[in-house]
Structure formats: structure tokens, C-alpha cells
Amino acid sequence: MKNPGRIFLATFFTALSILYLTGRYTTFEMHPPIFILLSIVLLVFLGSAMRDSHGRGTVEWAMLMLTVLMLMTALMA
């Protein structure tokens, strides 16, 4: 097994992203400024993780793309 923490984080974040983007994420509404700040922090973290793995991490790429997509939808709303 590679890294159980990384697998759990990727699965949880992917499920959360899908729920958010499909509009079913209504039981816990996050305030847009908090969401935007957390997304920026996550982007910085993922950027450093990808730099450390020389851009080969598919989990990091998937999480980076989902974070950018969620951030764009939050900014356009």
C-alpha cells in the first residue's frame, strides 16, 4: 500500500469536490471567503507537493485540477 493518508485525503477531497460541483453540497455551506482562502492554501500545498515529486503525482494533479475548478465556481457565483 502506498500511503493510506494520501489515499484517504484524495478520496475524501474528490468526493467533496463532486458533491460541491453538482450542487448537492448544501448541508454544510462554507462561506465564500473562507472557501477561497482554504483553496489558495491547498493550491500552494499541492504546488509544493508536485514540485517535490517532479510533477509525477497523479493524485496531486487531480486534486489541483478539482481545486482550481471549485475555486473558479466560487469566484463566479
PDB file of N, CA and C in Angstrom:
ATOM      1  N   MET A   1       0.841  -1.174   0.000  1.00  0.00           N
ATOM      2  CA  MET A   1       0.000   0.000   0.000  1.00  0.00           C
ATOM      3  C   MET A   1       0.887   1.238   0.000  1.00  0.00           C
ATOM      4  N   LYS A   2       0.554   2.197  -0.821  1.00  0.00           N
ATOM      5  CA  LYS A   2       1.413   3.365  -0.964  1.00  0.00           C
ATOM      6  C   LYS A   2       1.418   4.224   0.290  1.00  0.00           C
ATOM      7  N   ASN A   3       0.396   4.999   0.482  1.00  0.00           N
ATOM      8  CA  ASN A   3       0.309   5.886   1.632  1.00  0.00           C
ATOM      9  C   ASN A   3      -1.165   6.026   1.988  1.00  0.00           C
ATOM     10  N   PRO A   4      -1.621   5.375   3.056  1.00  0.00           N
ATOM     11  CA  PRO A   4      -3.049   5.392   3.369  1.00  0.00           C
ATOM     12  C   PRO A   4      -3.591   6.794   3.628  1.00  0.00           C
ATOM     13  N   GLY A   5      -2.794   7.659   4.228  1.00  0.00           N
ATOM     14  CA  GLY A   5      -3.253   9.024   4.484  1.00  0.00           C
ATOM     15  C   GLY A   5      -3.493   9.784   3.198  1.00  0.00           C
ATOM     16  N   ARG A   6      -2.603   9.601   2.249  1.00  0.00           N
ATOM     17  CA  ARG A   6      -2.734  10.277   0.957  1.00  0.00           C
ATOM     18  C   ARG A   6      -3.935   9.748   0.182  1.00  0.00           C
ATOM     19  N   ILE A   7      -4.148   8.442   0.237  1.00  0.00           N
ATOM     20  CA  ILE A   7      -5.290   7.842  -0.453  1.00  0.00           C
ATOM     21  C   ILE A   7      -6.597   8.316   0.171  1.00  0.00           C
ATOM     22  N   PHE A   8      -6.659   8.364   1.504  1.00  0.00           N
ATOM     23  CA  PHE A   8      -7.865   8.837   2.174  1.00  0.00           C
ATOM     24  C   PHE A   8      -8.137  10.295   1.834  1.00  0.00           C
ATOM     25  N   LEU A   9      -7.110  11.129   1.875  1.00  0.00           N
ATOM     26  CA  LEU A   9      -7.277  12.547   1.575  1.00  0.00           C
ATOM     27  C   LEU A   9      -7.756  12.754   0.147  1.00  0.00           C
ATOM     28  N   ALA A  10      -7.185  12.025  -0.781  1.00  0.00           N
ATOM     29  CA  ALA A  10      -7.587  12.163  -2.179  1.00  0.00           C
ATOM     30  C   ALA A  10      -9.024  11.703  -2.394  1.00  0.00           C
ATOM     31  N   THR A  11      -9.407  10.594  -1.781  1.00  0.00           N
ATOM     32  CA  THR A  11     -10.772  10.088  -1.917  1.00  0.00           C
ATOM     33  C   THR A  11     -11.774  11.043  -1.297  1.00  0.00           C
ATOM     34  N   PHE A  12     -11.478  11.522  -0.094  1.00  0.00           N
ATOM     35  CA  PHE A  12     -12.378  12.443   0.594  1.00  0.00           C
ATOM     36  C   PHE A  12     -12.526  13.743  -0.185  1.00  0.00           C
ATOM     37  N   PHE A  13     -11.408  14.289  -0.646  1.00  0.00           N
ATOM     38  CA  PHE A  13     -11.456  15.556  -1.359  1.00  0.00           C
ATOM     39  C   PHE A  13     -12.153  15.415  -2.702  1.00  0.00           C
ATOM     40  N   THR A  14     -11.952  14.299  -3.382  1.00  0.00           N
ATOM     41  CA  THR A  14     -12.627  14.075  -4.658  1.00  0.00           C
ATOM     42  C   THR A  14     -14.133  13.960  -4.468  1.00  0.00           C
ATOM     43  N   ALA A  15     -14.561  13.225  -3.441  1.00  0.00           N
ATOM     44  CA  ALA A  15     -15.994  13.111  -3.158  1.00  0.00           C
ATOM     45  C   ALA A  15     -16.587  14.470  -2.803  1.00  0.00           C
ATOM     46  N   LEU A  16     -15.881  15.236  -1.999  1.00  0.00           N
ATOM     47  CA  LEU A  16     -16.342  16.571  -1.618  1.00  0.00           C
ATOM     48  C   LEU A  16     -16.438  17.479  -2.840  1.00  0.00           C
ATOM     49  N   SER A  17     -15.476  17.388  -3.737  1.00  0.00           N
ATOM     50  CA  SER A  17     -15.484  18.209  -4.949  1.00  0.00           C
ATOM     51  C   SER A  17     -16.661  17.858  -5.845  1.00  0.00           C
ATOM     52  N   ILE A  18     -16.913  16.569  -6.001  1.00  0.00           N
ATOM     53  CA  ILE A  18     -18.032  16.145  -6.845  1.00  0.00           C
ATOM     54  C   ILE A  18     -19.352  16.615  -6.251  1.00  0.00           C
ATOM     55  N   LEU A  19     -19.515  16.477  -4.939  1.00  0.00           N
ATOM     56  CA  LEU A  19     -20.739  16.957  -4.295  1.00  0.00           C
ATOM     57  C   LEU A  19     -20.888  18.464  -4.450  1.00  0.00           C
ATOM     58  N   TYR A  20     -19.792  19.196  -4.304  1.00  0.00           N
ATOM     59  CA  TYR A  20     -19.848  20.654  -4.424  1.00  0.00           C
ATOM     60  C   TYR A  20     -20.199  21.083  -5.843  1.00  0.00           C
ATOM     61  N   LEU A  21     -19.558  20.474  -6.823  1.00  0.00           N
ATOM     62  CA  LEU A  21     -19.760  20.888  -8.207  1.00  0.00           C
ATOM     63  C   LEU A  21     -21.117  20.475  -8.749  1.00  0.00           C
ATOM     64  N   THR A  22     -21.719  19.422  -8.214  1.00  0.00           N
ATOM     65  CA  THR A  22     -23.048  19.012  -8.672  1.00  0.00           C
ATOM     66  C   THR A  22     -24.162  19.710  -7.914  1.00  0.00           C
ATOM     67  N   GLY A  23     -23.828  20.525  -6.925  1.00  0.00           N
ATOM     68  CA  GLY A  23     -24.839  21.284  -6.198  1.00  0.00           C
ATOM     69  C   GLY A  23     -25.495  20.526  -5.071  1.00  0.00           C
ATOM     70  N   ARG A  24     -24.991  19.372  -4.708  1.00  0.00           N
ATOM     71  CA  ARG A  24     -25.583  18.586  -3.624  1.00  0.00           C
ATOM     72  C   ARG A  24     -24.903  18.848  -2.288  1.00  0.00           C
ATOM     73  N   TYR A  25     -24.006  19.791  -2.266  1.00  0.00           N
ATOM     74  CA  TYR A  25     -23.243  20.104  -1.058  1.00  0.00           C
ATOM     75  C   TYR A  25     -23.922  21.271  -0.348  1.00  0.00           C
ATOM     76  N   THR A  26     -25.116  21.022   0.203  1.00  0.00           N
ATOM     77  CA  THR A  26     -25.882  22.107   0.806  1.00  0.00           C
ATOM     78  C   THR A  26     -26.033  21.969   2.309  1.00  0.00           C
ATOM     79  N   THR A  27     -25.690  20.837   2.897  1.00  0.00           N
ATOM     80  CA  THR A  27     -25.881  20.685   4.337  1.00  0.00           C
ATOM     81  C   THR A  27     -24.855  21.478   5.122  1.00  0.00           C
ATOM     82  N   PHE A  28     -23.689  21.704   4.543  1.00  0.00           N
ATOM     83  CA  PHE A  28     -22.659  22.492   5.213  1.00  0.00           C
ATOM     84  C   PHE A  28     -22.162  23.530   4.234  1.00  0.00           C
ATOM     85  N   GLU A  29     -22.777  24.691   4.253  1.00  0.00           N
ATOM     86  CA  GLU A  29     -22.381  25.762   3.343  1.00  0.00           C
ATOM     87  C   GLU A  29     -21.187  26.504   3.923  1.00  0.00           C
ATOM     88  N   MET A  30     -20.114  26.511   3.197  1.00  0.00           N
ATOM     89  CA  MET A  30     -18.922  27.211   3.636  1.00  0.00           C
ATOM     90  C   MET A  30     -18.980  28.644   3.101  1.00  0.00           C
ATOM     91  N   HIS A  31     -18.632  29.584   3.918  1.00  0.00           N
ATOM     92  CA  HIS A  31     -18.634  30.976   3.486  1.00  0.00           C
ATOM     93  C   HIS A  31     -17.602  31.162   2.378  1.00  0.00           C
ATOM     94  N   PRO A  32     -17.945  31.899   1.328  1.00  0.00           N
ATOM     95  CA  PRO A  32     -17.026  32.043   0.190  1.00  0.00           C
ATOM     96  C   PRO A  32     -15.631  32.550   0.546  1.00  0.00           C
ATOM     97  N   PRO A  33     -15.463  33.557   1.421  1.00  0.00           N
ATOM     98  CA  PRO A  33     -14.085  33.982   1.718  1.00  0.00           C
ATOM     99  C   PRO A  33     -13.251  32.882   2.376  1.00  0.00           C
ATOM    100  N   ILE A  34     -13.862  32.118   3.271  1.00  0.00           N
ATOM    101  CA  ILE A  34     -13.142  31.019   3.921  1.00  0.00           C
ATOM    102  C   ILE A  34     -12.796  29.952   2.891  1.00  0.00           C
ATOM    103  N   PHE A  35     -13.746  29.640   2.018  1.00  0.00           N
ATOM    104  CA  PHE A  35     -13.515  28.631   0.990  1.00  0.00           C
ATOM    105  C   PHE A  35     -12.399  29.059   0.047  1.00  0.00           C
ATOM    106  N   ILE A  36     -12.397  30.331  -0.340  1.00  0.00           N
ATOM    107  CA  ILE A  36     -11.371  30.831  -1.253  1.00  0.00           C
ATOM    108  C   ILE A  36      -9.999  30.788  -0.592  1.00  0.00           C
ATOM    109  N   LEU A  37      -9.918  31.197   0.671  1.00  0.00           N
ATOM    110  CA  LEU A  37      -8.637  31.149   1.386  1.00  0.00           C
ATOM    111  C   LEU A  37      -8.126  29.716   1.525  1.00  0.00           C
ATOM    112  N   LEU A  38      -9.022  28.790   1.883  1.00  0.00           N
ATOM    113  CA  LEU A  38      -8.613  27.391   2.008  1.00  0.00           C
ATOM    114  C   LEU A  38      -8.179  26.815   0.661  1.00  0.00           C
ATOM    115  N   SER A  39      -8.848  27.218  -0.407  1.00  0.00           N
ATOM    116  CA  SER A  39      -8.461  26.740  -1.734  1.00  0.00           C
ATOM    117  C   SER A  39      -7.078  27.244  -2.119  1.00  0.00           C
ATOM    118  N   ILE A  40      -6.785  28.500  -1.792  1.00  0.00           N
ATOM    119  CA  ILE A  40      -5.464  29.047  -2.110  1.00  0.00           C
ATOM    120  C   ILE A  40      -4.383  28.334  -1.304  1.00  0.00           C
ATOM    121  N   VAL A  41      -4.662  28.072  -0.017  1.00  0.00           N
ATOM    122  CA  VAL A  41      -3.703  27.330   0.808  1.00  0.00           C
ATOM    123  C   VAL A  41      -3.484  25.936   0.234  1.00  0.00           C
ATOM    124  N   LEU A  42      -4.563  25.282  -0.189  1.00  0.00           N
ATOM    125  CA  LEU A  42      -4.445  23.949  -0.773  1.00  0.00           C
ATOM    126  C   LEU A  42      -3.665  23.984  -2.088  1.00  0.00           C
ATOM    127  N   LEU A  43      -3.873  25.028  -2.894  1.00  0.00           N
ATOM    128  CA  LEU A  43      -3.114  25.152  -4.135  1.00  0.00           C
ATOM    129  C   LEU A  43      -1.620  25.293  -3.868  1.00  0.00           C
ATOM    130  N   VAL A  44      -1.262  26.080  -2.856  1.00  0.00           N
ATOM    131  CA  VAL A  44       0.157  26.234  -2.507  1.00  0.00           C
ATOM    132  C   VAL A  44       0.726  24.902  -2.037  1.00  0.00           C
ATOM    133  N   PHE A  45      -0.029  24.192  -1.191  1.00  0.00           N
ATOM    134  CA  PHE A  45       0.417  22.890  -0.695  1.00  0.00           C
ATOM    135  C   PHE A  45       0.597  21.894  -1.836  1.00  0.00           C
ATOM    136  N   LEU A  46      -0.374  21.844  -2.745  1.00  0.00           N
ATOM    137  CA  LEU A  46      -0.286  20.909  -3.866  1.00  0.00           C
ATOM    138  C   LEU A  46       0.852  21.278  -4.810  1.00  0.00           C
ATOM    139  N   GLY A  47       1.066  22.579  -5.002  1.00  0.00           N
ATOM    140  CA  GLY A  47       2.181  23.005  -5.846  1.00  0.00           C
ATOM    141  C   GLY A  47       3.517  22.565  -5.292  1.00  0.00           C
ATOM    142  N   SER A  48       3.681  22.681  -3.978  1.00  0.00           N
ATOM    143  CA  SER A  48       4.944  22.244  -3.377  1.00  0.00           C
ATOM    144  C   SER A  48       5.069  20.723  -3.405  1.00  0.00           C
ATOM    145  N   ALA A  49       3.953  20.010  -3.232  1.00  0.00           N
ATOM    146  CA  ALA A  49       3.993  18.548  -3.296  1.00  0.00           C
ATOM    147  C   ALA A  49       4.338  18.076  -4.705  1.00  0.00           C
ATOM    148  N   MET A  50       3.813  18.763  -5.712  1.00  0.00           N
ATOM    149  CA  MET A  50       4.115  18.381  -7.087  1.00  0.00           C
ATOM    150  C   MET A  50       5.563  18.709  -7.438  1.00  0.00           C
ATOM    151  N   ARG A  51       6.084  19.794  -6.897  1.00  0.00           N
ATOM    152  CA  ARG A  51       7.481  20.137  -7.156  1.00  0.00           C
ATOM    153  C   ARG A  51       8.403  19.091  -6.529  1.00  0.00           C
ATOM    154  N   ASP A  52       8.015  18.603  -5.335  1.00  0.00           N
ATOM    155  CA  ASP A  52       8.827  17.581  -4.675  1.00  0.00           C
ATOM    156  C   ASP A  52       8.805  16.253  -5.419  1.00  0.00           C
ATOM    157  N   SER A  53       7.654  15.934  -6.043  1.00  0.00           N
ATOM    158  CA  SER A  53       7.557  14.666  -6.775  1.00  0.00           C
ATOM    159  C   SER A  53       7.874  14.844  -8.254  1.00  0.00           C
ATOM    160  N   HIS A  54       8.365  16.016  -8.635  1.00  0.00           N
ATOM    161  CA  HIS A  54       8.754  16.332 -10.014  1.00  0.00           C
ATOM    162  C   HIS A  54       7.583  16.201 -10.981  1.00  0.00           C
ATOM    163  N   GLY A  55       6.356  16.516 -10.511  1.00  0.00           N
ATOM    164  CA  GLY A  55       5.188  16.527 -11.376  1.00  0.00           C
ATOM    165  C   GLY A  55       4.659  15.173 -11.760  1.00  0.00           C
ATOM    166  N   ARG A  56       5.058  14.115 -11.070  1.00  0.00           N
ATOM    167  CA  ARG A  56       4.616  12.770 -11.444  1.00  0.00           C
ATOM    168  C   ARG A  56       3.414  12.297 -10.648  1.00  0.00           C
ATOM    169  N   GLY A  57       2.976  13.024  -9.644  1.00  0.00           N
ATOM    170  CA  GLY A  57       1.889  12.557  -8.786  1.00  0.00           C
ATOM    171  C   GLY A  57       0.527  12.769  -9.413  1.00  0.00           C
ATOM    172  N   THR A  58      -0.137  11.683  -9.787  1.00  0.00           N
ATOM    173  CA  THR A  58      -1.455  11.812 -10.407  1.00  0.00           C
ATOM    174  C   THR A  58      -2.498  12.267  -9.402  1.00  0.00           C
ATOM    175  N   VAL A  59      -2.348  11.886  -8.146  1.00  0.00           N
ATOM    176  CA  VAL A  59      -3.289  12.324  -7.113  1.00  0.00           C
ATOM    177  C   VAL A  59      -3.190  13.829  -6.942  1.00  0.00           C
ATOM    178  N   GLU A  60      -1.966  14.343  -6.921  1.00  0.00           N
ATOM    179  CA  GLU A  60      -1.788  15.777  -6.782  1.00  0.00           C
ATOM    180  C   GLU A  60      -2.358  16.529  -7.980  1.00  0.00           C
ATOM    181  N   TRP A  61      -2.178  15.987  -9.187  1.00  0.00           N
ATOM    182  CA  TRP A  61      -2.730  16.634 -10.376  1.00  0.00           C
ATOM    183  C   TRP A  61      -4.248  16.674 -10.312  1.00  0.00           C
ATOM    184  N   ALA A  62      -4.865  15.556  -9.925  1.00  0.00           N
ATOM    185  CA  ALA A  62      -6.326  15.504  -9.844  1.00  0.00           C
ATOM    186  C   ALA A  62      -6.847  16.482  -8.799  1.00  0.00           C
ATOM    187  N   MET A  63      -6.201  16.516  -7.642  1.00  0.00           N
ATOM    188  CA  MET A  63      -6.644  17.432  -6.594  1.00  0.00           C
ATOM    189  C   MET A  63      -6.411  18.881  -7.003  1.00  0.00           C
ATOM    190  N   LEU A  64      -5.336  19.144  -7.713  1.00  0.00           N
ATOM    191  CA  LEU A  64      -5.057  20.502  -8.173  1.00  0.00           C
ATOM    192  C   LEU A  64      -6.122  20.968  -9.161  1.00  0.00           C
ATOM    193  N   MET A  65      -6.488  20.118 -10.109  1.00  0.00           N
ATOM    194  CA  MET A  65      -7.499  20.494 -11.089  1.00  0.00           C
ATOM    195  C   MET A  65      -8.868  20.687 -10.435  1.00  0.00           C
ATOM    196  N   LEU A  66      -9.230  19.808  -9.501  1.00  0.00           N
ATOM    197  CA  LEU A  66     -10.508  19.961  -8.811  1.00  0.00           C
ATOM    198  C   LEU A  66     -10.526  21.218  -7.952  1.00  0.00           C
ATOM    199  N   THR A  67      -9.411  21.547  -7.321  1.00  0.00           N
ATOM    200  CA  THR A  67      -9.346  22.763  -6.515  1.00  0.00           C
ATOM    201  C   THR A  67      -9.501  23.996  -7.385  1.00  0.00           C
ATOM    202  N   VAL A  68      -8.839  24.011  -8.527  1.00  0.00           N
ATOM    203  CA  VAL A  68      -8.967  25.148  -9.440  1.00  0.00           C
ATOM    204  C   VAL A  68     -10.404  25.269  -9.932  1.00  0.00           C
ATOM    205  N   LEU A  69     -11.033  24.153 -10.257  1.00  0.00           N
ATOM    206  CA  LEU A  69     -12.413  24.179 -10.729  1.00  0.00           C
ATOM    207  C   LEU A  69     -13.365  24.674  -9.648  1.00  0.00           C
ATOM    208  N   MET A  70     -13.179  24.195  -8.420  1.00  0.00           N
ATOM    209  CA  MET A  70     -14.031  24.654  -7.323  1.00  0.00           C
ATOM    210  C   MET A  70     -13.796  26.128  -7.028  1.00  0.00           C
ATOM    211  N   LEU A  71     -12.566  26.576  -7.088  1.00  0.00           N
ATOM    212  CA  LEU A  71     -12.254  27.980  -6.844  1.00  0.00           C
ATOM    213  C   LEU A  71     -12.874  28.865  -7.921  1.00  0.00           C
ATOM    214  N   MET A  72     -12.830  28.421  -9.169  1.00  0.00           N
ATOM    215  CA  MET A  72     -13.435  29.203 -10.248  1.00  0.00           C
ATOM    216  C   MET A  72     -14.945  29.302 -10.082  1.00  0.00           C
ATOM    217  N   THR A  73     -15.598  28.207  -9.692  1.00  0.00           N
ATOM    218  CA  THR A  73     -17.051  28.274  -9.498  1.00  0.00           C
ATOM    219  C   THR A  73     -17.403  29.154  -8.308  1.00  0.00           C
ATOM    220  N   ALA A  74     -16.572  29.161  -7.271  1.00  0.00           N
ATOM    221  CA  ALA A  74     -16.842  30.020  -6.116  1.00  0.00           C
ATOM    222  C   ALA A  74     -16.662  31.491  -6.473  1.00  0.00           C
ATOM    223  N   LEU A  75     -15.679  31.794  -7.305  1.00  0.00           N
ATOM    224  CA  LEU A  75     -15.438  33.187  -7.681  1.00  0.00           C
ATOM    225  C   LEU A  75     -16.476  33.707  -8.666  1.00  0.00           C
ATOM    226  N   MET A  76     -17.045  32.830  -9.484  1.00  0.00           N
ATOM    227  CA  MET A  76     -18.038  33.263 -10.468  1.00  0.00           C
ATOM    228  C   MET A  76     -19.438  33.367  -9.886  1.00  0.00           C
ATOM    229  N   ALA A  77     -19.657  32.797  -8.717  1.00  0.00           N
ATOM    230  CA  ALA A  77     -21.005  32.814  -8.115  1.00  0.00           C
ATOM    231  C   ALA A  77     -21.328  34.166  -7.524  1.00  0.00           C
TER     232      ALA A  77
END
